[in-house]
C-alpha cells in the first residue's frame, strides 16, 4: 500500500477531486474523515463519481445499524455513489468536533469492466447516537478510473476534513505470493 495524496481542508470547500490518479496500482483505498455544513440533521451522505461520469452509471446497496435498529436499502441507476451516512454534519453542539469516518475500497480500478466498490462508514452524533453502515456499490464505467470526485449531499465540507488516497499493488514479498 502506497500513500498517493492527502487533502486536508483549511476552510470550507464544496468538493474534493483526486486527479490524475496513477495507473501503477491494482486497487485503491480512500480514507475520509469529514464533516458537512448540513444543519438540519446530524449526518450527511458522501457523493462520489469517477472520471466526471454521472447519468445513471451507479448503484448502491447497504446495511445500516444505529445500535438499536438495523436497516437495509438499495439504489439503482443513480448519478453518483451515495456513501450513506459517511459524514457527520454541523448539527449544533451535539456534533461539535465530531467527524465521520469512512473507508472506501475500489477494486481493479484500471480494468475494462464495471468497477466494484466496498465501504464501511460511521457518522457519530454524540455518545448515544451513531450510525454505522457497510455498503457495496457498482460503477458501470468500463474505462480505467483516472479521477475521483467527492462532495457532501448537502452543503460543503467543513474545515479540518481530510481525504487520503492509497494505491494497492499486488505482488510478492519473497515469502508470501499473491496471485
N, C-alpha and C. Protein backbone atom coordinates (compact mmCIF):
# COMPACT_ATOMS: atom_id res chain seq x y z
N UNK A 1 0.85 -1.16 0.00
CA UNK A 1 0.00 0.00 0.00
C UNK A 1 0.90 1.23 0.00
N UNK A 2 0.61 2.16 -0.91
CA UNK A 2 1.43 3.36 -1.08
C UNK A 2 0.54 4.59 -0.95
N UNK A 3 0.95 5.51 -0.07
CA UNK A 3 0.21 6.76 0.07
C UNK A 3 0.40 7.59 -1.19
N UNK A 4 -0.71 7.99 -1.84
CA UNK A 4 -0.63 8.78 -3.06
C UNK A 4 -0.85 10.27 -2.81
N UNK A 5 -1.86 10.60 -1.98
CA UNK A 5 -2.17 12.01 -1.77
C UNK A 5 -3.11 12.16 -0.57
N UNK A 6 -2.97 13.28 0.14
CA UNK A 6 -3.90 13.65 1.20
C UNK A 6 -4.33 15.09 1.00
N UNK A 7 -5.63 15.32 1.10
CA UNK A 7 -6.21 16.67 1.08
C UNK A 7 -6.73 16.95 2.48
N UNK A 8 -6.17 17.94 3.15
CA UNK A 8 -6.67 18.39 4.45
C UNK A 8 -7.17 19.80 4.27
N UNK A 9 -8.43 20.04 4.58
CA UNK A 9 -9.04 21.32 4.25
C UNK A 9 -8.73 22.40 5.30
N UNK A 10 -8.32 23.55 4.81
CA UNK A 10 -8.03 24.70 5.67
C UNK A 10 -9.24 25.62 5.78
N UNK A 11 -10.32 25.27 5.10
CA UNK A 11 -11.56 26.06 5.11
C UNK A 11 -12.68 25.23 4.53
N UNK A 12 -13.83 25.85 4.37
CA UNK A 12 -14.98 25.18 3.77
C UNK A 12 -14.73 24.98 2.27
N UNK A 13 -15.14 23.82 1.76
CA UNK A 13 -14.91 23.51 0.35
C UNK A 13 -16.05 22.65 -0.17
N UNK A 14 -16.54 22.96 -1.37
CA UNK A 14 -17.69 22.26 -1.95
C UNK A 14 -17.38 20.82 -2.36
N UNK A 15 -16.16 20.57 -2.83
CA UNK A 15 -15.82 19.22 -3.29
C UNK A 15 -14.31 19.00 -3.20
N UNK A 16 -13.94 17.74 -3.32
CA UNK A 16 -12.53 17.34 -3.37
C UNK A 16 -12.39 16.42 -4.58
N UNK A 17 -11.37 16.68 -5.39
CA UNK A 17 -11.15 15.86 -6.58
C UNK A 17 -9.72 15.34 -6.57
N UNK A 18 -9.58 14.03 -6.74
CA UNK A 18 -8.27 13.41 -6.94
C UNK A 18 -8.10 13.22 -8.44
N UNK A 19 -7.16 13.94 -9.03
CA UNK A 19 -6.95 13.89 -10.48
C UNK A 19 -5.57 14.45 -10.80
N UNK A 20 -4.76 13.76 -11.55
CA UNK A 20 -4.95 12.41 -12.11
C UNK A 20 -4.60 11.34 -11.09
N UNK A 21 -5.10 10.15 -11.32
CA UNK A 21 -4.78 9.00 -10.47
C UNK A 21 -3.83 8.10 -11.26
N UNK A 22 -2.72 7.79 -10.64
CA UNK A 22 -1.72 6.94 -11.27
C UNK A 22 -2.30 5.58 -11.65
N UNK A 23 -1.83 5.04 -12.76
CA UNK A 23 -2.26 3.71 -13.23
C UNK A 23 -1.29 2.62 -12.78
N UNK A 24 -0.48 2.91 -11.76
CA UNK A 24 0.56 1.98 -11.33
C UNK A 24 0.12 0.95 -10.30
N UNK A 25 -1.17 0.92 -9.94
CA UNK A 25 -1.62 0.06 -8.85
C UNK A 25 -2.76 -0.84 -9.32
N UNK A 26 -3.15 -1.78 -8.47
CA UNK A 26 -4.23 -2.70 -8.80
C UNK A 26 -5.56 -2.25 -8.21
N UNK A 27 -5.53 -1.77 -6.96
CA UNK A 27 -6.72 -1.32 -6.25
C UNK A 27 -6.44 0.03 -5.63
N UNK A 28 -7.50 0.70 -5.18
CA UNK A 28 -7.38 1.99 -4.49
C UNK A 28 -8.10 1.91 -3.15
N UNK A 29 -7.55 2.63 -2.18
CA UNK A 29 -8.18 2.76 -0.87
C UNK A 29 -8.29 4.25 -0.57
N UNK A 30 -9.48 4.68 -0.21
CA UNK A 30 -9.73 6.08 0.12
C UNK A 30 -10.21 6.15 1.56
N UNK A 31 -9.53 6.95 2.38
CA UNK A 31 -9.90 7.15 3.78
C UNK A 31 -10.43 8.58 3.91
N UNK A 32 -11.66 8.72 4.41
CA UNK A 32 -12.30 10.02 4.54
C UNK A 32 -12.68 10.24 6.00
N UNK A 33 -12.22 11.36 6.56
CA UNK A 33 -12.64 11.82 7.89
C UNK A 33 -13.18 13.22 7.66
N UNK A 34 -14.52 13.35 7.61
CA UNK A 34 -15.07 14.62 7.14
C UNK A 34 -16.39 14.96 7.80
N UNK A 35 -16.72 16.24 7.66
CA UNK A 35 -17.94 16.80 8.21
C UNK A 35 -18.54 17.74 7.18
N UNK A 36 -19.88 17.75 7.07
CA UNK A 36 -20.53 18.65 6.12
C UNK A 36 -21.17 19.83 6.86
N UNK A 37 -21.52 20.84 6.08
CA UNK A 37 -22.16 22.04 6.65
C UNK A 37 -23.67 21.86 6.83
N UNK A 38 -24.20 20.70 6.56
CA UNK A 38 -25.64 20.43 6.74
C UNK A 38 -26.03 20.73 8.19
N UNK A 39 -27.12 21.47 8.39
CA UNK A 39 -27.53 21.86 9.74
C UNK A 39 -28.86 21.27 10.19
N UNK A 40 -29.58 20.58 9.31
CA UNK A 40 -30.90 20.05 9.69
C UNK A 40 -30.87 18.56 10.02
N UNK A 41 -29.67 17.99 10.16
CA UNK A 41 -29.50 16.58 10.52
C UNK A 41 -28.10 16.39 11.08
N UNK A 42 -27.89 15.42 11.96
CA UNK A 42 -26.54 15.18 12.48
C UNK A 42 -25.63 14.40 11.53
N UNK A 43 -26.17 13.93 10.39
CA UNK A 43 -25.40 13.13 9.45
C UNK A 43 -25.65 13.59 8.02
N UNK A 44 -24.72 13.22 7.14
CA UNK A 44 -24.87 13.54 5.72
C UNK A 44 -24.25 12.42 4.90
N UNK A 45 -24.66 12.32 3.64
CA UNK A 45 -24.12 11.32 2.73
C UNK A 45 -22.95 11.90 1.94
N UNK A 46 -22.01 11.04 1.61
CA UNK A 46 -20.88 11.40 0.76
C UNK A 46 -21.21 10.96 -0.65
N UNK A 47 -21.14 11.88 -1.61
CA UNK A 47 -21.44 11.57 -3.00
C UNK A 47 -20.12 11.43 -3.75
N UNK A 48 -19.99 10.37 -4.57
CA UNK A 48 -18.73 10.07 -5.25
C UNK A 48 -18.99 9.71 -6.71
N UNK A 49 -18.20 10.30 -7.61
CA UNK A 49 -18.24 9.93 -9.02
C UNK A 49 -16.83 9.67 -9.51
N UNK A 50 -16.74 8.97 -10.62
CA UNK A 50 -15.46 8.65 -11.25
C UNK A 50 -15.40 9.26 -12.64
N UNK A 51 -14.26 9.81 -12.98
CA UNK A 51 -13.98 10.32 -14.33
C UNK A 51 -15.01 11.36 -14.80
N UNK A 52 -15.69 12.03 -13.88
CA UNK A 52 -16.69 13.03 -14.26
C UNK A 52 -17.96 12.44 -14.83
N UNK A 53 -18.15 11.13 -14.70
CA UNK A 53 -19.31 10.45 -15.27
C UNK A 53 -20.47 10.50 -14.30
N UNK A 54 -21.63 10.96 -14.76
CA UNK A 54 -22.87 10.99 -13.97
C UNK A 54 -23.89 10.07 -14.60
N UNK A 55 -25.01 10.65 -15.02
CA UNK A 55 -26.05 9.86 -15.69
C UNK A 55 -26.67 8.85 -14.78
N UNK A 56 -26.75 7.61 -15.21
CA UNK A 56 -27.32 6.52 -14.42
C UNK A 56 -26.30 5.41 -14.26
N UNK A 57 -25.07 5.77 -13.98
CA UNK A 57 -23.95 4.83 -14.02
C UNK A 57 -23.66 4.11 -12.71
N UNK A 58 -24.42 4.37 -11.64
CA UNK A 58 -24.05 3.85 -10.33
C UNK A 58 -25.21 3.15 -9.65
N UNK A 59 -24.87 2.24 -8.74
CA UNK A 59 -25.85 1.57 -7.90
C UNK A 59 -25.25 1.28 -6.54
N UNK A 60 -26.09 1.24 -5.52
CA UNK A 60 -25.64 1.05 -4.14
C UNK A 60 -26.56 0.10 -3.40
N UNK A 61 -25.99 -0.64 -2.48
CA UNK A 61 -26.77 -1.44 -1.56
C UNK A 61 -26.06 -1.41 -0.22
N UNK A 62 -26.82 -1.12 0.87
CA UNK A 62 -26.16 -1.00 2.15
C UNK A 62 -26.99 -1.58 3.28
N UNK A 63 -26.26 -1.87 4.36
CA UNK A 63 -26.84 -2.32 5.62
C UNK A 63 -26.38 -1.33 6.67
N UNK A 64 -27.33 -0.77 7.40
CA UNK A 64 -27.05 0.29 8.36
C UNK A 64 -27.51 -0.13 9.75
N UNK A 65 -26.74 0.24 10.76
CA UNK A 65 -27.12 -0.03 12.14
C UNK A 65 -26.98 1.21 12.99
N UNK A 66 -27.89 1.35 13.97
CA UNK A 66 -27.87 2.52 14.85
C UNK A 66 -27.53 2.16 16.29
N UNK A 67 -27.33 0.90 16.57
CA UNK A 67 -27.15 0.45 17.94
C UNK A 67 -28.45 -0.07 18.53
N UNK A 68 -29.58 0.40 18.00
CA UNK A 68 -30.88 -0.07 18.48
C UNK A 68 -31.76 -0.59 17.35
N UNK A 69 -31.33 -0.40 16.11
CA UNK A 69 -32.12 -0.87 14.96
C UNK A 69 -31.19 -1.10 13.77
N UNK A 70 -31.67 -1.88 12.81
CA UNK A 70 -30.92 -2.14 11.59
C UNK A 70 -31.81 -1.89 10.39
N UNK A 71 -31.21 -1.42 9.32
CA UNK A 71 -31.94 -1.10 8.09
C UNK A 71 -31.12 -1.57 6.90
N UNK A 72 -31.79 -1.82 5.80
CA UNK A 72 -31.09 -2.07 4.55
C UNK A 72 -31.84 -1.33 3.45
N UNK A 73 -31.11 -0.98 2.42
CA UNK A 73 -31.71 -0.26 1.32
C UNK A 73 -30.84 -0.43 0.09
N UNK A 74 -31.38 -0.03 -1.05
CA UNK A 74 -30.64 -0.12 -2.30
C UNK A 74 -31.08 0.99 -3.24
N UNK A 75 -30.20 1.33 -4.15
CA UNK A 75 -30.49 2.31 -5.20
C UNK A 75 -29.91 1.77 -6.50
N UNK A 76 -30.58 2.03 -7.60
CA UNK A 76 -30.07 1.64 -8.91
C UNK A 76 -30.14 2.84 -9.84
N UNK A 77 -29.28 2.84 -10.84
CA UNK A 77 -29.29 3.87 -11.89
C UNK A 77 -29.21 5.29 -11.34
N UNK A 78 -28.27 5.53 -10.45
CA UNK A 78 -28.10 6.84 -9.85
C UNK A 78 -26.95 7.59 -10.52
N UNK A 79 -26.91 8.90 -10.30
CA UNK A 79 -25.89 9.75 -10.93
C UNK A 79 -24.57 9.79 -10.16
N UNK A 80 -24.54 9.15 -8.98
CA UNK A 80 -23.31 9.06 -8.20
C UNK A 80 -23.44 7.93 -7.19
N UNK A 81 -22.32 7.55 -6.61
CA UNK A 81 -22.36 6.61 -5.50
C UNK A 81 -22.71 7.42 -4.27
N UNK A 82 -23.74 7.01 -3.56
CA UNK A 82 -24.11 7.66 -2.31
C UNK A 82 -23.58 6.80 -1.18
N UNK A 83 -22.51 7.26 -0.54
CA UNK A 83 -21.96 6.54 0.60
C UNK A 83 -22.78 7.02 1.81
N UNK A 84 -23.74 6.18 2.22
CA UNK A 84 -24.75 6.60 3.19
C UNK A 84 -24.15 6.92 4.55
N UNK A 85 -24.57 8.02 5.11
CA UNK A 85 -24.20 8.48 6.45
C UNK A 85 -22.69 8.43 6.69
N UNK A 86 -21.91 8.80 5.71
CA UNK A 86 -20.45 8.79 5.83
C UNK A 86 -19.90 10.02 6.52
N UNK A 87 -20.71 11.07 6.62
CA UNK A 87 -20.24 12.34 7.16
C UNK A 87 -21.02 12.73 8.40
N UNK A 88 -20.34 13.27 9.38
CA UNK A 88 -21.05 13.96 10.45
C UNK A 88 -21.43 15.32 9.90
N UNK A 89 -22.44 15.96 10.49
CA UNK A 89 -22.90 17.25 9.98
C UNK A 89 -22.82 18.30 11.09
N UNK A 90 -22.88 19.55 10.68
CA UNK A 90 -22.80 20.69 11.60
C UNK A 90 -24.16 20.91 12.26
N UNK A 91 -24.48 20.04 13.19
CA UNK A 91 -25.80 20.00 13.82
C UNK A 91 -25.73 20.56 15.24
N UNK A 92 -25.15 21.74 15.38
CA UNK A 92 -25.06 22.39 16.68
C UNK A 92 -24.09 21.70 17.63
N UNK A 93 -24.33 21.85 18.92
CA UNK A 93 -23.39 21.35 19.93
C UNK A 93 -23.31 19.83 19.98
N UNK A 94 -24.33 19.12 19.46
CA UNK A 94 -24.31 17.65 19.54
C UNK A 94 -23.27 17.03 18.62
N UNK A 95 -22.78 17.77 17.63
CA UNK A 95 -21.76 17.21 16.73
C UNK A 95 -20.48 18.04 16.73
N UNK A 96 -20.31 18.93 17.68
CA UNK A 96 -19.11 19.78 17.74
C UNK A 96 -17.86 18.91 17.82
N UNK A 97 -16.92 19.14 16.92
CA UNK A 97 -15.65 18.43 16.91
C UNK A 97 -15.71 16.98 16.45
N UNK A 98 -16.86 16.53 15.96
CA UNK A 98 -17.02 15.13 15.56
C UNK A 98 -17.05 15.05 14.03
N UNK A 99 -16.22 14.17 13.47
CA UNK A 99 -16.13 13.97 12.03
C UNK A 99 -16.48 12.52 11.70
N UNK A 100 -17.18 12.31 10.59
CA UNK A 100 -17.49 10.96 10.14
C UNK A 100 -16.23 10.26 9.67
N UNK A 101 -16.21 8.95 9.76
CA UNK A 101 -15.04 8.16 9.38
C UNK A 101 -15.47 7.10 8.36
N UNK A 102 -14.81 7.10 7.20
CA UNK A 102 -15.20 6.23 6.10
C UNK A 102 -13.98 5.62 5.42
N UNK A 103 -14.08 4.35 5.08
CA UNK A 103 -13.05 3.65 4.32
C UNK A 103 -13.70 3.11 3.06
N UNK A 104 -13.16 3.46 1.89
CA UNK A 104 -13.72 3.06 0.60
C UNK A 104 -12.65 2.30 -0.18
N UNK A 105 -12.97 1.07 -0.58
CA UNK A 105 -12.02 0.23 -1.31
C UNK A 105 -12.54 0.05 -2.74
N UNK A 106 -11.73 0.43 -3.71
CA UNK A 106 -12.10 0.35 -5.13
C UNK A 106 -11.25 -0.74 -5.77
N UNK A 107 -11.88 -1.81 -6.20
CA UNK A 107 -11.14 -2.95 -6.75
C UNK A 107 -10.89 -2.78 -8.24
N UNK A 108 -9.74 -3.25 -8.69
CA UNK A 108 -9.40 -3.33 -10.13
C UNK A 108 -9.79 -2.07 -10.89
N UNK A 109 -9.34 -0.92 -10.41
CA UNK A 109 -9.77 0.37 -10.97
C UNK A 109 -9.25 0.63 -12.39
N UNK A 110 -8.27 -0.15 -12.85
CA UNK A 110 -7.72 0.07 -14.19
C UNK A 110 -8.33 -0.83 -15.26
N UNK A 111 -9.15 -1.80 -14.87
CA UNK A 111 -9.63 -2.77 -15.87
C UNK A 111 -10.73 -2.18 -16.75
N UNK A 112 -11.15 -2.96 -17.73
CA UNK A 112 -12.16 -2.50 -18.69
C UNK A 112 -13.55 -3.07 -18.37
N UNK A 113 -13.77 -3.40 -17.11
CA UNK A 113 -15.06 -3.92 -16.65
C UNK A 113 -15.71 -2.91 -15.71
N UNK A 114 -16.97 -3.13 -15.33
CA UNK A 114 -17.60 -2.31 -14.30
C UNK A 114 -16.77 -2.39 -13.02
N UNK A 115 -16.82 -1.34 -12.21
CA UNK A 115 -15.99 -1.26 -11.01
C UNK A 115 -16.82 -1.58 -9.76
N UNK A 116 -16.26 -2.43 -8.90
CA UNK A 116 -16.88 -2.77 -7.62
C UNK A 116 -16.24 -1.93 -6.52
N UNK A 117 -17.08 -1.43 -5.62
CA UNK A 117 -16.62 -0.58 -4.53
C UNK A 117 -17.25 -1.09 -3.24
N UNK A 118 -16.44 -1.24 -2.20
CA UNK A 118 -16.96 -1.61 -0.89
C UNK A 118 -16.56 -0.52 0.10
N UNK A 119 -17.45 -0.26 1.06
CA UNK A 119 -17.13 0.78 2.04
C UNK A 119 -17.73 0.43 3.39
N UNK A 120 -17.11 0.99 4.42
CA UNK A 120 -17.70 0.96 5.75
C UNK A 120 -17.54 2.36 6.33
N UNK A 121 -18.58 2.81 7.02
CA UNK A 121 -18.61 4.18 7.46
C UNK A 121 -19.37 4.33 8.77
N UNK A 122 -18.99 5.37 9.54
CA UNK A 122 -19.65 5.70 10.79
C UNK A 122 -19.77 7.20 10.91
N UNK A 123 -20.98 7.67 11.17
CA UNK A 123 -21.23 9.08 11.45
C UNK A 123 -21.78 9.16 12.87
N UNK A 124 -21.04 9.78 13.76
CA UNK A 124 -21.40 9.85 15.17
C UNK A 124 -22.00 11.21 15.47
N UNK A 125 -23.07 11.21 16.21
CA UNK A 125 -23.67 12.48 16.66
C UNK A 125 -23.20 12.82 18.07
N UNK A 126 -23.26 11.85 18.97
CA UNK A 126 -22.80 12.03 20.34
C UNK A 126 -22.62 10.64 20.95
N UNK A 127 -22.42 10.56 22.24
CA UNK A 127 -22.12 9.27 22.88
C UNK A 127 -23.28 8.29 22.84
N UNK A 128 -24.48 8.76 22.51
CA UNK A 128 -25.64 7.85 22.48
C UNK A 128 -26.25 7.69 21.10
N UNK A 129 -25.69 8.32 20.09
CA UNK A 129 -26.31 8.29 18.76
C UNK A 129 -25.23 8.20 17.68
N UNK A 130 -25.14 7.05 17.06
CA UNK A 130 -24.24 6.92 15.91
C UNK A 130 -24.88 5.98 14.89
N UNK A 131 -24.51 6.16 13.65
CA UNK A 131 -24.97 5.30 12.57
C UNK A 131 -23.74 4.71 11.90
N UNK A 132 -23.73 3.40 11.71
CA UNK A 132 -22.66 2.73 11.00
C UNK A 132 -23.27 1.95 9.86
N UNK A 133 -22.51 1.81 8.78
CA UNK A 133 -23.03 1.09 7.63
C UNK A 133 -21.90 0.37 6.91
N UNK A 134 -22.25 -0.70 6.25
CA UNK A 134 -21.38 -1.34 5.26
C UNK A 134 -22.13 -1.27 3.94
N UNK A 135 -21.38 -1.15 2.88
CA UNK A 135 -22.02 -0.87 1.60
C UNK A 135 -21.25 -1.50 0.45
N UNK A 136 -21.99 -1.96 -0.53
CA UNK A 136 -21.43 -2.40 -1.80
C UNK A 136 -21.99 -1.51 -2.89
N UNK A 137 -21.13 -1.04 -3.77
CA UNK A 137 -21.57 -0.17 -4.87
C UNK A 137 -20.99 -0.68 -6.17
N UNK A 138 -21.64 -0.30 -7.27
CA UNK A 138 -21.18 -0.68 -8.60
C UNK A 138 -21.17 0.57 -9.47
N UNK A 139 -20.06 0.77 -10.17
CA UNK A 139 -19.96 1.85 -11.15
C UNK A 139 -19.94 1.20 -12.53
N UNK A 140 -20.93 1.52 -13.34
CA UNK A 140 -20.99 0.98 -14.71
C UNK A 140 -20.12 1.84 -15.61
N UNK A 141 -18.84 1.79 -15.32
CA UNK A 141 -17.84 2.55 -16.05
C UNK A 141 -16.75 1.57 -16.45
N UNK A 142 -16.54 1.40 -17.74
CA UNK A 142 -15.57 0.41 -18.19
C UNK A 142 -14.19 1.01 -18.46
N UNK A 143 -14.07 2.32 -18.47
CA UNK A 143 -12.76 2.95 -18.63
C UNK A 143 -12.01 2.90 -17.31
N UNK A 144 -10.69 2.89 -17.32
CA UNK A 144 -9.93 2.97 -16.07
C UNK A 144 -10.30 4.24 -15.31
N UNK A 145 -10.31 4.16 -13.97
CA UNK A 145 -10.60 5.34 -13.16
C UNK A 145 -9.37 6.22 -13.12
N UNK A 146 -9.54 7.45 -13.60
CA UNK A 146 -8.43 8.42 -13.61
C UNK A 146 -8.70 9.60 -12.70
N UNK A 147 -9.96 9.74 -12.21
CA UNK A 147 -10.27 10.81 -11.26
C UNK A 147 -11.43 10.38 -10.37
N UNK A 148 -11.40 10.89 -9.13
CA UNK A 148 -12.46 10.64 -8.16
C UNK A 148 -12.91 12.00 -7.64
N UNK A 149 -14.22 12.24 -7.70
CA UNK A 149 -14.79 13.48 -7.19
C UNK A 149 -15.68 13.16 -5.99
N UNK A 150 -15.50 13.93 -4.90
CA UNK A 150 -16.24 13.73 -3.67
C UNK A 150 -16.93 15.03 -3.27
N UNK A 151 -18.17 14.92 -2.79
CA UNK A 151 -18.88 16.10 -2.27
C UNK A 151 -19.92 15.63 -1.26
N UNK A 152 -20.31 16.50 -0.31
CA UNK A 152 -21.41 16.14 0.57
C UNK A 152 -22.72 16.21 -0.21
N UNK A 153 -23.70 15.45 0.18
CA UNK A 153 -25.01 15.55 -0.48
C UNK A 153 -25.64 16.92 -0.20
N UNK A 154 -25.37 17.48 0.98
CA UNK A 154 -25.94 18.77 1.39
C UNK A 154 -24.82 19.70 1.84
N UNK A 155 -24.70 20.85 1.24
CA UNK A 155 -23.72 21.84 1.69
C UNK A 155 -22.31 21.59 1.20
N UNK A 156 -21.35 21.89 2.07
CA UNK A 156 -19.93 21.81 1.74
C UNK A 156 -19.19 21.02 2.81
N UNK A 157 -17.96 20.62 2.50
CA UNK A 157 -17.09 20.04 3.52
C UNK A 157 -16.61 21.16 4.43
N UNK A 158 -16.48 20.86 5.72
CA UNK A 158 -16.01 21.86 6.68
C UNK A 158 -14.51 21.76 6.92
N UNK A 159 -13.95 22.80 7.48
CA UNK A 159 -12.54 22.88 7.81
C UNK A 159 -12.10 21.64 8.61
N UNK A 160 -10.89 21.21 8.39
CA UNK A 160 -10.23 20.04 9.01
C UNK A 160 -10.71 18.71 8.45
N UNK A 161 -11.63 18.69 7.51
CA UNK A 161 -11.97 17.43 6.84
C UNK A 161 -10.73 16.96 6.10
N UNK A 162 -10.50 15.65 6.08
CA UNK A 162 -9.31 15.13 5.39
C UNK A 162 -9.67 13.91 4.54
N UNK A 163 -8.92 13.76 3.44
CA UNK A 163 -9.17 12.73 2.43
C UNK A 163 -7.82 12.18 2.00
N UNK A 164 -7.60 10.89 2.19
CA UNK A 164 -6.30 10.27 1.84
C UNK A 164 -6.52 9.14 0.85
N UNK A 165 -5.74 9.14 -0.23
CA UNK A 165 -5.84 8.13 -1.27
C UNK A 165 -4.57 7.27 -1.25
N UNK A 166 -4.77 5.95 -1.31
CA UNK A 166 -3.67 4.99 -1.32
C UNK A 166 -3.80 4.08 -2.53
N UNK A 167 -2.67 3.70 -3.11
CA UNK A 167 -2.64 2.71 -4.17
C UNK A 167 -2.20 1.38 -3.58
N UNK A 168 -2.83 0.31 -4.01
CA UNK A 168 -2.51 -1.03 -3.51
C UNK A 168 -2.04 -1.87 -4.69
N UNK A 169 -0.87 -2.44 -4.53
CA UNK A 169 -0.26 -3.24 -5.59
C UNK A 169 -0.17 -4.68 -5.13
N UNK A 170 -0.60 -5.58 -5.98
CA UNK A 170 -0.44 -7.00 -5.69
C UNK A 170 0.97 -7.41 -6.05
N UNK A 171 1.49 -8.41 -5.36
CA UNK A 171 2.84 -8.85 -5.67
C UNK A 171 3.35 -9.84 -4.67
N UNK A 172 4.65 -9.98 -4.64
CA UNK A 172 5.30 -10.94 -3.77
C UNK A 172 6.34 -10.25 -2.91
N UNK A 173 6.39 -10.62 -1.62
CA UNK A 173 7.42 -10.08 -0.73
C UNK A 173 8.56 -11.07 -0.53
N UNK A 174 8.56 -12.15 -1.31
CA UNK A 174 9.58 -13.16 -1.18
C UNK A 174 9.16 -14.29 -0.26
N UNK A 175 8.18 -14.06 0.58
CA UNK A 175 7.66 -15.07 1.50
C UNK A 175 6.22 -15.42 1.13
N UNK A 176 5.42 -14.39 0.93
CA UNK A 176 4.01 -14.55 0.59
C UNK A 176 3.83 -14.20 -0.88
N UNK A 177 3.17 -15.04 -1.62
CA UNK A 177 2.90 -14.76 -3.02
C UNK A 177 1.42 -14.53 -3.21
N UNK A 178 1.08 -13.42 -3.83
CA UNK A 178 -0.29 -13.10 -4.14
C UNK A 178 -0.49 -13.33 -5.63
N UNK A 179 -1.52 -14.07 -6.00
CA UNK A 179 -1.75 -14.30 -7.43
C UNK A 179 -3.17 -14.03 -7.78
